[in-house]
C-alpha atoms as a PDB file:
ATOM      1  CA  MET A   1     -18.081 112.904  40.356  1.00  0.00           C
ATOM      2  CA  ALA A   2     -20.916 110.675  41.027  1.00  0.00           C
ATOM      3  CA  SER A   3     -22.540 111.478  37.607  1.00  0.00           C
ATOM      4  CA  ALA A   4     -19.310 110.028  35.905  1.00  0.00           C
ATOM      5  CA  ALA A   5     -18.054 107.436  38.331  1.00  0.00           C
ATOM      6  CA  GLY A   6     -20.632 106.910  41.021  1.00  0.00           C
ATOM      7  CA  LEU A   7     -21.815 103.624  42.599  1.00  0.00           C
ATOM      8  CA  GLN A   8     -25.398 104.223  41.277  1.00  0.00           C
ATOM      9  CA  LEU A   9     -24.072 103.640  37.729  1.00  0.00           C
ATOM     10  CA  LEU A  10     -23.003 100.236  38.444  1.00  0.00           C
ATOM     11  CA  ASN A  11     -24.696  96.871  39.097  1.00  0.00           C
ATOM     12  CA  LYS A  12     -23.520  94.708  41.854  1.00  0.00           C
ATOM     13  CA  ASP A  13     -21.429  92.501  39.674  1.00  0.00           C
ATOM     14  CA  GLN A  14     -19.460  95.525  38.328  1.00  0.00           C
ATOM     15  CA  CYS A  15     -18.358  97.011  41.633  1.00  0.00           C
ATOM     16  CA  ASN A  16     -14.731  96.319  41.743  1.00  0.00           C
ATOM     17  CA  PRO A  17     -12.473  99.208  42.885  1.00  0.00           C
ATOM     18  CA  MET A  18      -9.451  97.478  41.353  1.00  0.00           C
ATOM     19  CA  LYS A  19     -10.893  98.219  37.882  1.00  0.00           C
ATOM     20  CA  THR A  20     -13.172 101.368  38.387  1.00  0.00           C
ATOM     21  CA  THR A  21     -11.584 104.560  37.388  1.00  0.00           C
ATOM     22  CA  THR A  22     -12.146 108.384  37.780  1.00  0.00           C
ATOM     23  CA  TYR A  23     -11.143 108.996  34.185  1.00  0.00           C
ATOM     24  CA  GLY A  24     -14.631 110.225  33.161  1.00  0.00           C
ATOM     25  CA  VAL A  25     -14.563 112.615  36.180  1.00  0.00           C
ATOM     26  CA  GLY A  26     -11.375 114.293  34.610  1.00  0.00           C
ATOM     27  CA  GLU A  27     -13.146 114.510  31.289  1.00  0.00           C
ATOM     28  CA  LEU A  28     -15.884 116.479  33.001  1.00  0.00           C
ATOM     29  CA  ILE A  29     -13.391 118.851  34.569  1.00  0.00           C
ATOM     30  CA  LYS A  30     -11.688 119.192  31.245  1.00  0.00           C
ATOM     31  CA  ALA A  31     -14.916 120.168  29.616  1.00  0.00           C
ATOM     32  CA  ALA A  32     -15.619 122.586  32.442  1.00  0.00           C
ATOM     33  CA  ILE A  33     -12.275 124.332  31.800  1.00  0.00           C
ATOM     34  CA  GLU A  34     -13.292 125.077  28.234  1.00  0.00           C
ATOM     35  CA  TYR A  35     -15.877 127.575  29.547  1.00  0.00           C
ATOM     36  CA  ASN A  36     -13.203 129.646  31.198  1.00  0.00           C
ATOM     37  CA  PRO A  37     -14.917 129.555  34.789  1.00  0.00           C
ATOM     38  CA  GLU A  38     -13.695 131.702  37.597  1.00  0.00           C
ATOM     39  CA  LYS A  39     -13.805 128.674  39.865  1.00  0.00           C
ATOM     40  CA  ILE A  40     -14.564 125.070  39.726  1.00  0.00           C
ATOM     41  CA  LEU A  41     -16.756 123.534  42.591  1.00  0.00           C
ATOM     42  CA  PHE A  42     -15.840 119.915  42.556  1.00  0.00           C
ATOM     43  CA  ALA A  43     -18.383 117.690  44.376  1.00  0.00           C
ATOM     44  CA  ILE A  44     -16.758 114.219  45.125  1.00  0.00           C
ATOM     45  CA  GLY A  45     -19.126 112.103  46.971  1.00  0.00           C
ATOM     46  CA  GLY A  46     -20.784 108.881  45.882  1.00  0.00           C
ATOM     47  CA  SER A  47     -17.779 107.376  44.101  1.00  0.00           C
ATOM     48  CA  ALA A  48     -17.231 103.791  42.966  1.00  0.00           C
ATOM     49  CA  THR A  49     -13.656 104.140  42.799  1.00  0.00           C
ATOM     50  CA  VAL A  50     -10.376 103.818  44.865  1.00  0.00           C
ATOM     51  CA  ASP A  51      -7.865 105.201  42.371  1.00  0.00           C
ATOM     52  CA  GLY A  52      -6.492 108.097  44.199  1.00  0.00           C
ATOM     53  CA  GLY A  53      -7.577 110.318  41.453  1.00  0.00           C
ATOM     54  CA  ILE A  54      -5.033 109.216  38.885  1.00  0.00           C
ATOM     55  CA  GLY A  55      -7.900 108.564  36.385  1.00  0.00           C
ATOM     56  CA  ALA A  56      -8.998 111.915  36.492  1.00  0.00           C
ATOM     57  CA  ALA A  57      -5.448 113.189  36.280  1.00  0.00           C
ATOM     58  CA  VAL A  58      -4.713 111.152  33.099  1.00  0.00           C
ATOM     59  CA  ALA A  59      -7.892 112.769  31.436  1.00  0.00           C
ATOM     60  CA  LEU A  60      -6.223 116.212  32.385  1.00  0.00           C
ATOM     61  CA  GLY A  61      -2.903 115.272  30.630  1.00  0.00           C
ATOM     62  CA  TRP A  62      -0.848 113.752  33.567  1.00  0.00           C
ATOM     63  CA  GLN A  63       1.095 110.542  32.902  1.00  0.00           C
ATOM     64  CA  PHE A  64       1.877 107.724  35.424  1.00  0.00           C
ATOM     65  CA  LEU A  65       4.530 105.335  34.272  1.00  0.00           C
ATOM     66  CA  ASP A  66       5.824 102.017  35.406  1.00  0.00           C
ATOM     67  CA  ARG A  67       9.492 100.980  35.705  1.00  0.00           C
ATOM     68  CA  GLU A  68       9.515 100.379  31.931  1.00  0.00           C
ATOM     69  CA  ASN A  69       8.070 103.907  31.222  1.00  0.00           C
ATOM     70  CA  ASN A  70       4.797 102.347  30.131  1.00  0.00           C
ATOM     71  CA  GLN A  71       1.559 104.015  31.062  1.00  0.00           C
ATOM     72  CA  VAL A  72      -0.019 102.411  34.024  1.00  0.00           C
ATOM     73  CA  HIS A  73      -3.724 101.582  33.875  1.00  0.00           C
ATOM     74  CA  ALA A  74      -5.455 104.460  35.691  1.00  0.00           C
ATOM     75  CA  CYS A  75      -7.331 102.484  38.220  1.00  0.00           C
ATOM     76  CA  GLY A  76      -6.989 101.149  41.718  1.00  0.00           C
ATOM     77  CA  GLY A  77      -5.114  98.075  40.520  1.00  0.00           C
ATOM     78  CA  GLY A  78      -2.564 100.220  38.852  1.00  0.00           C
ATOM     79  CA  LEU A  79      -1.357 102.188  41.959  1.00  0.00           C
ATOM     80  CA  ASN A  80       1.281  99.898  42.992  1.00  0.00           C
ATOM     81  CA  LYS A  81       2.914  99.806  39.457  1.00  0.00           C
ATOM     82  CA  ILE A  82       3.545 103.517  39.329  1.00  0.00           C
ATOM     83  CA  GLU A  83       7.270 104.541  39.431  1.00  0.00           C
ATOM     84  CA  LYS A  84       7.125 108.047  37.739  1.00  0.00           C
ATOM     85  CA  ILE A  85       4.674 110.893  37.652  1.00  0.00           C
ATOM     86  CA  ILE A  86       4.811 113.092  34.760  1.00  0.00           C
ATOM     87  CA  PRO A  87       2.884 116.504  34.839  1.00  0.00           C
ATOM     88  CA  PRO A  88       1.125 117.929  31.770  1.00  0.00           C
ATOM     89  CA  ARG A  89       2.820 120.752  29.840  1.00  0.00           C
ATOM     90  CA  LYS A  90       0.211 123.171  30.965  1.00  0.00           C
ATOM     91  CA  LYS A  91      -1.019 122.797  34.581  1.00  0.00           C
ATOM     92  CA  MET A  92      -4.418 123.941  35.727  1.00  0.00           C
ATOM     93  CA  GLU A  93      -4.722 127.508  36.625  1.00  0.00           C
ATOM     94  CA  ILE A  94      -8.394 127.760  37.510  1.00  0.00           C
ATOM     95  CA  PRO A  95      -9.132 127.489  41.271  1.00  0.00           C
ATOM     96  CA  VAL A  96     -10.556 124.148  42.357  1.00  0.00           C
ATOM     97  CA  GLU A  97     -12.591 123.903  45.421  1.00  0.00           C
ATOM     98  CA  VAL A  98     -13.171 120.258  46.607  1.00  0.00           C
ATOM     99  CA  LEU A  99     -16.472 119.856  48.364  1.00  0.00           C
ATOM    100  CA  CYS A 100     -15.722 117.277  50.999  1.00  0.00           C
ATOM    101  CA  ASP A 101     -17.550 116.455  54.239  1.00  0.00           C
ATOM    102  CA  VAL A 102     -15.330 113.572  55.764  1.00  0.00           C
ATOM    103  CA  GLN A 103     -11.980 113.799  57.580  1.00  0.00           C
ATOM    104  CA  ASN A 104     -10.581 110.545  56.512  1.00  0.00           C
ATOM    105  CA  PRO A 105      -6.881 110.403  55.616  1.00  0.00           C
ATOM    106  CA  LEU A 106      -5.496 108.701  52.532  1.00  0.00           C
ATOM    107  CA  CYS A 107      -4.095 105.670  54.116  1.00  0.00           C
ATOM    108  CA  GLY A 108      -4.325 103.826  57.532  1.00  0.00           C
ATOM    109  CA  GLU A 109      -7.298 102.364  59.580  1.00  0.00           C
ATOM    110  CA  HIS A 110      -9.649 105.404  58.686  1.00  0.00           C
ATOM    111  CA  GLY A 111      -8.253 105.707  55.146  1.00  0.00           C
ATOM    112  CA  ALA A 112      -9.815 105.527  51.880  1.00  0.00           C
ATOM    113  CA  ALA A 113      -9.053 101.768  51.191  1.00  0.00           C
ATOM    114  CA  LYS A 114     -10.037 100.320  54.600  1.00  0.00           C
ATOM    115  CA  VAL A 115     -13.141 102.396  55.271  1.00  0.00           C
ATOM    116  CA  TYR A 116     -14.616 102.873  51.865  1.00  0.00           C
ATOM    117  CA  GLY A 117     -13.067  99.988  49.871  1.00  0.00           C
ATOM    118  CA  PRO A 118     -15.646  97.447  51.165  1.00  0.00           C
ATOM    119  CA  GLN A 119     -18.556  99.618  50.403  1.00  0.00           C
ATOM    120  CA  LYS A 120     -17.419  99.695  46.710  1.00  0.00           C
ATOM    121  CA  GLY A 121     -17.013  95.959  46.434  1.00  0.00           C
ATOM    122  CA  ALA A 122     -13.387  95.386  47.567  1.00  0.00           C
ATOM    123  CA  THR A 123     -12.670  91.885  49.120  1.00  0.00           C
ATOM    124  CA  PRO A 124     -10.367  91.970  52.240  1.00  0.00           C
ATOM    125  CA  GLU A 125      -7.422  91.094  49.790  1.00  0.00           C
ATOM    126  CA  MET A 126      -8.324  93.993  47.510  1.00  0.00           C
ATOM    127  CA  VAL A 127      -8.454  96.281  50.550  1.00  0.00           C
ATOM    128  CA  GLU A 128      -4.791  95.409  51.527  1.00  0.00           C
ATOM    129  CA  GLU A 129      -3.719  95.947  47.784  1.00  0.00           C
ATOM    130  CA  LEU A 130      -5.451  99.232  47.501  1.00  0.00           C
ATOM    131  CA  GLU A 131      -4.119 100.416  50.943  1.00  0.00           C
ATOM    132  CA  THR A 132      -0.577  99.643  49.704  1.00  0.00           C
ATOM    133  CA  GLY A 133      -1.103 101.311  46.436  1.00  0.00           C
ATOM    134  CA  LEU A 134      -2.602 104.480  47.940  1.00  0.00           C
ATOM    135  CA  CYS A 135       0.320 104.852  50.502  1.00  0.00           C
ATOM    136  CA  HIS A 136       2.725 104.229  47.576  1.00  0.00           C
ATOM    137  CA  LEU A 137       0.895 107.001  45.494  1.00  0.00           C
ATOM    138  CA  GLY A 138       1.054 109.333  48.459  1.00  0.00           C
ATOM    139  CA  ASN A 139       4.849 108.689  48.896  1.00  0.00           C
ATOM    140  CA  LEU A 140       5.455 109.221  45.184  1.00  0.00           C
ATOM    141  CA  ILE A 141       3.540 112.617  45.250  1.00  0.00           C
ATOM    142  CA  LYS A 142       5.735 113.732  48.270  1.00  0.00           C
ATOM    143  CA  GLU A 143       8.959 112.741  46.618  1.00  0.00           C
ATOM    144  CA  GLN A 144       8.220 113.879  42.992  1.00  0.00           C
ATOM    145  CA  LEU A 145       5.878 116.756  43.351  1.00  0.00           C
ATOM    146  CA  ASN A 146       6.780 117.995  46.750  1.00  0.00           C
ATOM    147  CA  ARG A 147       3.247 117.795  48.061  1.00  0.00           C
ATOM    148  CA  ASP A 148       2.524 116.009  51.397  1.00  0.00           C
ATOM    149  CA  VAL A 149      -0.983 114.525  51.190  1.00  0.00           C
ATOM    150  CA  LEU A 150      -0.540 111.688  53.593  1.00  0.00           C
ATOM    151  CA  GLU A 151      -1.402 113.713  56.680  1.00  0.00           C
ATOM    152  CA  ILE A 152      -4.189 115.899  55.273  1.00  0.00           C
ATOM    153  CA  PRO A 153      -7.583 115.400  56.842  1.00  0.00           C
ATOM    154  CA  GLY A 154     -10.090 114.485  54.130  1.00  0.00           C
ATOM    155  CA  ALA A 155      -7.572 113.332  51.559  1.00  0.00           C
ATOM    156  CA  GLY A 156      -9.045 109.815  51.608  1.00  0.00           C
ATOM    157  CA  ALA A 157     -12.482 111.096  50.566  1.00  0.00           C
ATOM    158  CA  SER A 158     -13.900 109.411  47.502  1.00  0.00           C
ATOM    159  CA  GLY A 159     -11.423 106.728  47.300  1.00  0.00           C
ATOM    160  CA  GLY A 160      -8.632 109.101  47.321  1.00  0.00           C
ATOM    161  CA  LEU A 161      -9.900 111.378  44.725  1.00  0.00           C
ATOM    162  CA  ALA A 162      -9.524 114.395  47.036  1.00  0.00           C
ATOM    163  CA  THR A 163      -5.783 113.555  47.143  1.00  0.00           C
ATOM    164  CA  GLY A 164      -5.686 113.673  43.448  1.00  0.00           C
ATOM    165  CA  ALA A 165      -7.512 117.009  43.436  1.00  0.00           C
ATOM    166  CA  ILE A 166      -5.089 118.389  45.679  1.00  0.00           C
ATOM    167  CA  ALA A 167      -1.861 117.021  44.039  1.00  0.00           C
ATOM    168  CA  PHE A 168      -2.875 117.102  40.303  1.00  0.00           C
ATOM    169  CA  MET A 169      -5.397 119.985  40.212  1.00  0.00           C
ATOM    170  CA  ASN A 170      -3.964 122.203  42.882  1.00  0.00           C
ATOM    171  CA  GLY A 171      -7.373 121.713  44.619  1.00  0.00           C
ATOM    172  CA  LYS A 172      -8.428 123.093  48.094  1.00  0.00           C
ATOM    173  CA  LEU A 173     -10.714 120.955  50.349  1.00  0.00           C
ATOM    174  CA  VAL A 174     -13.593 122.946  51.699  1.00  0.00           C
ATOM    175  CA  SER A 175     -16.781 122.016  53.520  1.00  0.00           C
ATOM    176  CA  GLY A 176     -19.340 120.504  51.163  1.00  0.00           C
ATOM    177  CA  ILE A 177     -22.265 121.201  53.091  1.00  0.00           C
ATOM    178  CA  ASP A 178     -21.173 124.795  54.129  1.00  0.00           C
ATOM    179  CA  THR A 179     -20.649 125.613  50.406  1.00  0.00           C
ATOM    180  CA  ILE A 180     -24.046 124.240  49.431  1.00  0.00           C
ATOM    181  CA  ILE A 181     -25.671 126.209  52.244  1.00  0.00           C
ATOM    182  CA  ARG A 182     -24.071 129.504  51.078  1.00  0.00           C
ATOM    183  CA  TYR A 183     -24.776 128.931  47.400  1.00  0.00           C
ATOM    184  CA  SER A 184     -28.574 127.767  47.863  1.00  0.00           C
ATOM    185  CA  ASN A 185     -29.361 130.581  50.354  1.00  0.00           C
ATOM    186  CA  ILE A 186     -31.045 127.923  52.643  1.00  0.00           C
ATOM    187  CA  GLU A 187     -30.566 130.153  55.699  1.00  0.00           C
ATOM    188  CA  ALA A 188     -33.076 132.664  54.307  1.00  0.00           C
ATOM    189  CA  GLU A 189     -35.485 130.147  53.296  1.00  0.00           C
ATOM    190  CA  LEU A 190     -35.712 128.904  56.947  1.00  0.00           C
ATOM    191  CA  ASN A 191     -37.138 132.203  58.225  1.00  0.00           C
ATOM    192  CA  ASP A 192     -40.677 131.167  57.661  1.00  0.00           C
ATOM    193  CA  ALA A 193     -40.231 127.412  57.911  1.00  0.00           C
ATOM    194  CA  ASP A 194     -41.569 125.031  60.673  1.00  0.00           C
ATOM    195  CA  TRP A 195     -39.540 122.032  59.650  1.00  0.00           C
ATOM    196  CA  ILE A 196     -36.333 121.156  57.553  1.00  0.00           C
ATOM    197  CA  ILE A 197     -36.056 117.643  56.221  1.00  0.00           C
ATOM    198  CA  THR A 198     -32.521 116.164  55.476  1.00  0.00           C
ATOM    199  CA  GLY A 199     -31.172 112.838  55.187  1.00  0.00           C
ATOM    200  CA  GLU A 200     -28.723 110.450  53.620  1.00  0.00           C
ATOM    201  CA  GLY A 201     -28.137 106.786  52.869  1.00  0.00           C
ATOM    202  CA  CYS A 202     -27.288 105.578  56.126  1.00  0.00           C
ATOM    203  CA  PHE A 203     -27.797 107.776  59.183  1.00  0.00           C
ATOM    204  CA  ASP A 204     -25.075 106.672  61.582  1.00  0.00           C
ATOM    205  CA  THR A 205     -22.254 108.101  63.903  1.00  0.00           C
ATOM    206  CA  GLN A 206     -20.473 109.555  60.724  1.00  0.00           C
ATOM    207  CA  SER A 207     -23.459 111.679  60.269  1.00  0.00           C
ATOM    208  CA  LEU A 208     -23.000 113.717  63.196  1.00  0.00           C
ATOM    209  CA  TYR A 209     -19.583 114.953  62.270  1.00  0.00           C
ATOM    210  CA  GLY A 210     -19.221 117.350  59.375  1.00  0.00           C
ATOM    211  CA  LYS A 211     -21.628 115.754  57.009  1.00  0.00           C
ATOM    212  CA  VAL A 212     -24.838 117.087  55.493  1.00  0.00           C
ATOM    213  CA  VAL A 213     -27.011 116.229  58.456  1.00  0.00           C
ATOM    214  CA  ALA A 214     -24.697 117.937  60.906  1.00  0.00           C
ATOM    215  CA  GLY A 215     -24.467 121.100  58.767  1.00  0.00           C
ATOM    216  CA  VAL A 216     -28.234 121.292  58.204  1.00  0.00           C
ATOM    217  CA  SER A 217     -28.753 120.773  61.871  1.00  0.00           C
ATOM    218  CA  LYS A 218     -26.465 123.712  62.857  1.00  0.00           C
ATOM    219  CA  ILE A 219     -28.274 126.246  60.802  1.00  0.00           C
ATOM    220  CA  ALA A 220     -31.822 124.764  61.683  1.00  0.00           C
ATOM    221  CA  ASN A 221     -31.027 125.068  65.343  1.00  0.00           C
ATOM    222  CA  LYS A 222     -29.956 128.578  64.826  1.00  0.00           C
ATOM    223  CA  ALA A 223     -33.202 129.462  63.205  1.00  0.00           C
ATOM    224  CA  LYS A 224     -35.210 127.318  65.781  1.00  0.00           C
ATOM    225  CA  VAL A 225     -36.719 125.123  63.079  1.00  0.00           C
ATOM    226  CA  HIS A 226     -37.721 121.467  63.816  1.00  0.00           C
ATOM    227  CA  ILE A 227     -35.247 119.047  62.073  1.00  0.00           C
ATOM    228  CA  ALA A 228     -36.299 115.591  60.518  1.00  0.00           C
ATOM    229  CA  VAL A 229     -34.007 113.076  59.081  1.00  0.00           C
ATOM    230  CA  ILE A 230     -35.396 110.568  56.449  1.00  0.00           C
ATOM    231  CA  ALA A 231     -32.653 108.117  55.687  1.00  0.00           C
ATOM    232  CA  GLY A 232     -32.127 104.777  53.857  1.00  0.00           C
ATOM    233  CA  GLN A 233     -31.178 103.257  57.335  1.00  0.00           C
ATOM    234  CA  VAL A 234     -31.181 104.793  60.743  1.00  0.00           C
ATOM    235  CA  LYS A 235     -28.478 103.306  62.943  1.00  0.00           C
ATOM    236  CA  LEU A 236     -28.622 105.843  65.717  1.00  0.00           C
ATOM    237  CA  PRO A 237     -30.570 105.835  68.868  1.00  0.00           C
ATOM    238  CA  GLY A 238     -32.887 108.756  69.620  1.00  0.00           C
ATOM    239  CA  LYS A 239     -30.737 110.065  72.490  1.00  0.00           C
ATOM    240  CA  GLU A 240     -27.596 110.305  70.206  1.00  0.00           C
ATOM    241  CA  TYR A 241     -29.236 112.246  67.323  1.00  0.00           C
ATOM    242  CA  GLN A 242     -31.320 114.448  69.654  1.00  0.00           C
ATOM    243  CA  LYS A 243     -28.058 115.912  70.885  1.00  0.00           C
ATOM    244  CA  LEU A 244     -27.930 117.757  67.545  1.00  0.00           C
ATOM    245  CA  GLY A 245     -31.503 119.009  68.083  1.00  0.00           C
ATOM    246  CA  ILE A 246     -32.997 116.462  65.572  1.00  0.00           C
ATOM    247  CA  LYS A 247     -36.488 115.868  66.581  1.00  0.00           C
ATOM    248  CA  THR A 248     -37.107 112.636  64.600  1.00  0.00           C
ATOM    249  CA  ALA A 249     -35.266 110.163  62.307  1.00  0.00           C
ATOM    250  CA  ILE A 250     -37.096 107.782  59.949  1.00  0.00           C
ATOM    251  CA  GLY A 251     -35.565 104.871  58.050  1.00  0.00           C
ATOM    252  CA  CYS A 252     -36.859 103.771  54.712  1.00  0.00           C
ATOM    253  CA  LYS A 253     -35.743 100.116  54.837  1.00  0.00           C
ATOM    254  CA  PRO A 254     -37.668  97.710  56.807  1.00  0.00           C
ATOM    255  CA  ASP A 255     -35.753  95.536  59.192  1.00  0.00           C
ATOM    256  CA  ASP A 256     -36.629  92.449  57.445  1.00  0.00           C
ATOM    257  CA  MET A 257     -35.449  93.621  54.025  1.00  0.00           C
ATOM    258  CA  ASP A 258     -31.915  93.528  52.660  1.00  0.00           C
ATOM    259  CA  VAL A 259     -30.172  96.529  51.285  1.00  0.00           C
ATOM    260  CA  GLU A 260     -30.420  95.346  47.806  1.00  0.00           C
ATOM    261  CA  GLN A 261     -34.051  94.882  47.788  1.00  0.00           C
ATOM    262  CA  ALA A 262     -34.503  98.288  49.448  1.00  0.00           C
ATOM    263  CA  LEU A 263     -32.454  99.901  46.766  1.00  0.00           C
ATOM    264  CA  CYS A 264     -34.798  98.411  44.040  1.00  0.00           C
ATOM    265  CA  LYS A 265     -37.815  99.734  45.889  1.00  0.00           C
ATOM    266  CA  SER A 266     -36.267 103.020  46.853  1.00  0.00           C
ATOM    267  CA  LYS A 267     -39.021 105.369  45.596  1.00  0.00           C
ATOM    268  CA  LYS A 268     -41.764 103.481  47.179  1.00  0.00           C
ATOM    269  CA  LEU A 269     -39.965 103.096  50.539  1.00  0.00           C
ATOM    270  CA  LEU A 270     -39.147 106.820  50.555  1.00  0.00           C
ATOM    271  CA  LYS A 271     -42.807 107.571  49.907  1.00  0.00           C
ATOM    272  CA  LEU A 272     -43.923 105.489  52.812  1.00  0.00           C
ATOM    273  CA  ALA A 273     -41.331 106.971  55.153  1.00  0.00           C
ATOM    274  CA  THR A 274     -42.670 110.328  54.123  1.00  0.00           C
ATOM    275  CA  GLU A 275     -46.044 109.406  54.927  1.00  0.00           C
ATOM    276  CA  ARG A 276     -45.025 108.191  58.369  1.00  0.00           C
ATOM    277  CA  PHE A 277     -43.434 111.471  59.066  1.00  0.00           C
ATOM    278  CA  VAL A 278     -46.358 113.491  58.006  1.00  0.00           C
ATOM    279  CA  LYS A 279     -48.748 111.237  60.049  1.00  0.00           C
ATOM    280  CA  ASN A 280     -46.671 111.336  63.248  1.00  0.00           C
ATOM    281  CA  ASN A 281     -45.594 114.850  63.218  1.00  0.00           C
ATOM    282  CA  LEU A 282     -47.896 117.030  61.075  1.00  0.00           C
ATOM    283  CA  ILE A 283     -51.363 115.774  61.376  1.00  0.00           C
END
């Protein structure tokens, strides 16, 4: 999804989850279907959207109508206006596995709008409107499609795109990191390794539960390989991440630099962080 509707595609002024849409993601899935695959692996991280997946669904032939039977704009700002969901004539028959590494539900304090909305440019007022819209969508899906998505762990992932995948693509949520480990054959590669280096944007409490770092740590500990995390920011004390068997964690962003500056200098900062890792652990 990130290649079509990811945060990295926007500048700061364009980040507005009331307007951003997953429509392009649906176009990619539609293109994939033309190749008659046995299965679609749908990676949903890095989104700039909170539209519940309705944008992607529209690209796949679904319609979302308001009370006057007009097509609703397929974005976060359109969620509250939906009154009727119309399926396409031909539904997807290809199995869709949704690679998801978070447990956030669609709505609530830990849901898509309140947890991820601010990261995508939502103001407090937008967060409340998006929260109402996602809950409205969830209720409509239950009433009109007979699919209860409101209580599914992970349904809030990627601004609710996981919900859209479940409801409109008959998708099944699977562990993203476990799937990547299986397809990449990483476990075999660890047999003659001394270290494995992993990381993410912000290494914090969420990283310890089901995300990439936790998954990599699990197989590295099994193979008795040292683990290093190189992340944009490290927000965990050593005693916390060492519980996972992680030997060291290095942040790229200096304490006196704001995130926007760090993003502009990411390649240089990553290089410097890697040099610190090598100097402190390999020399």
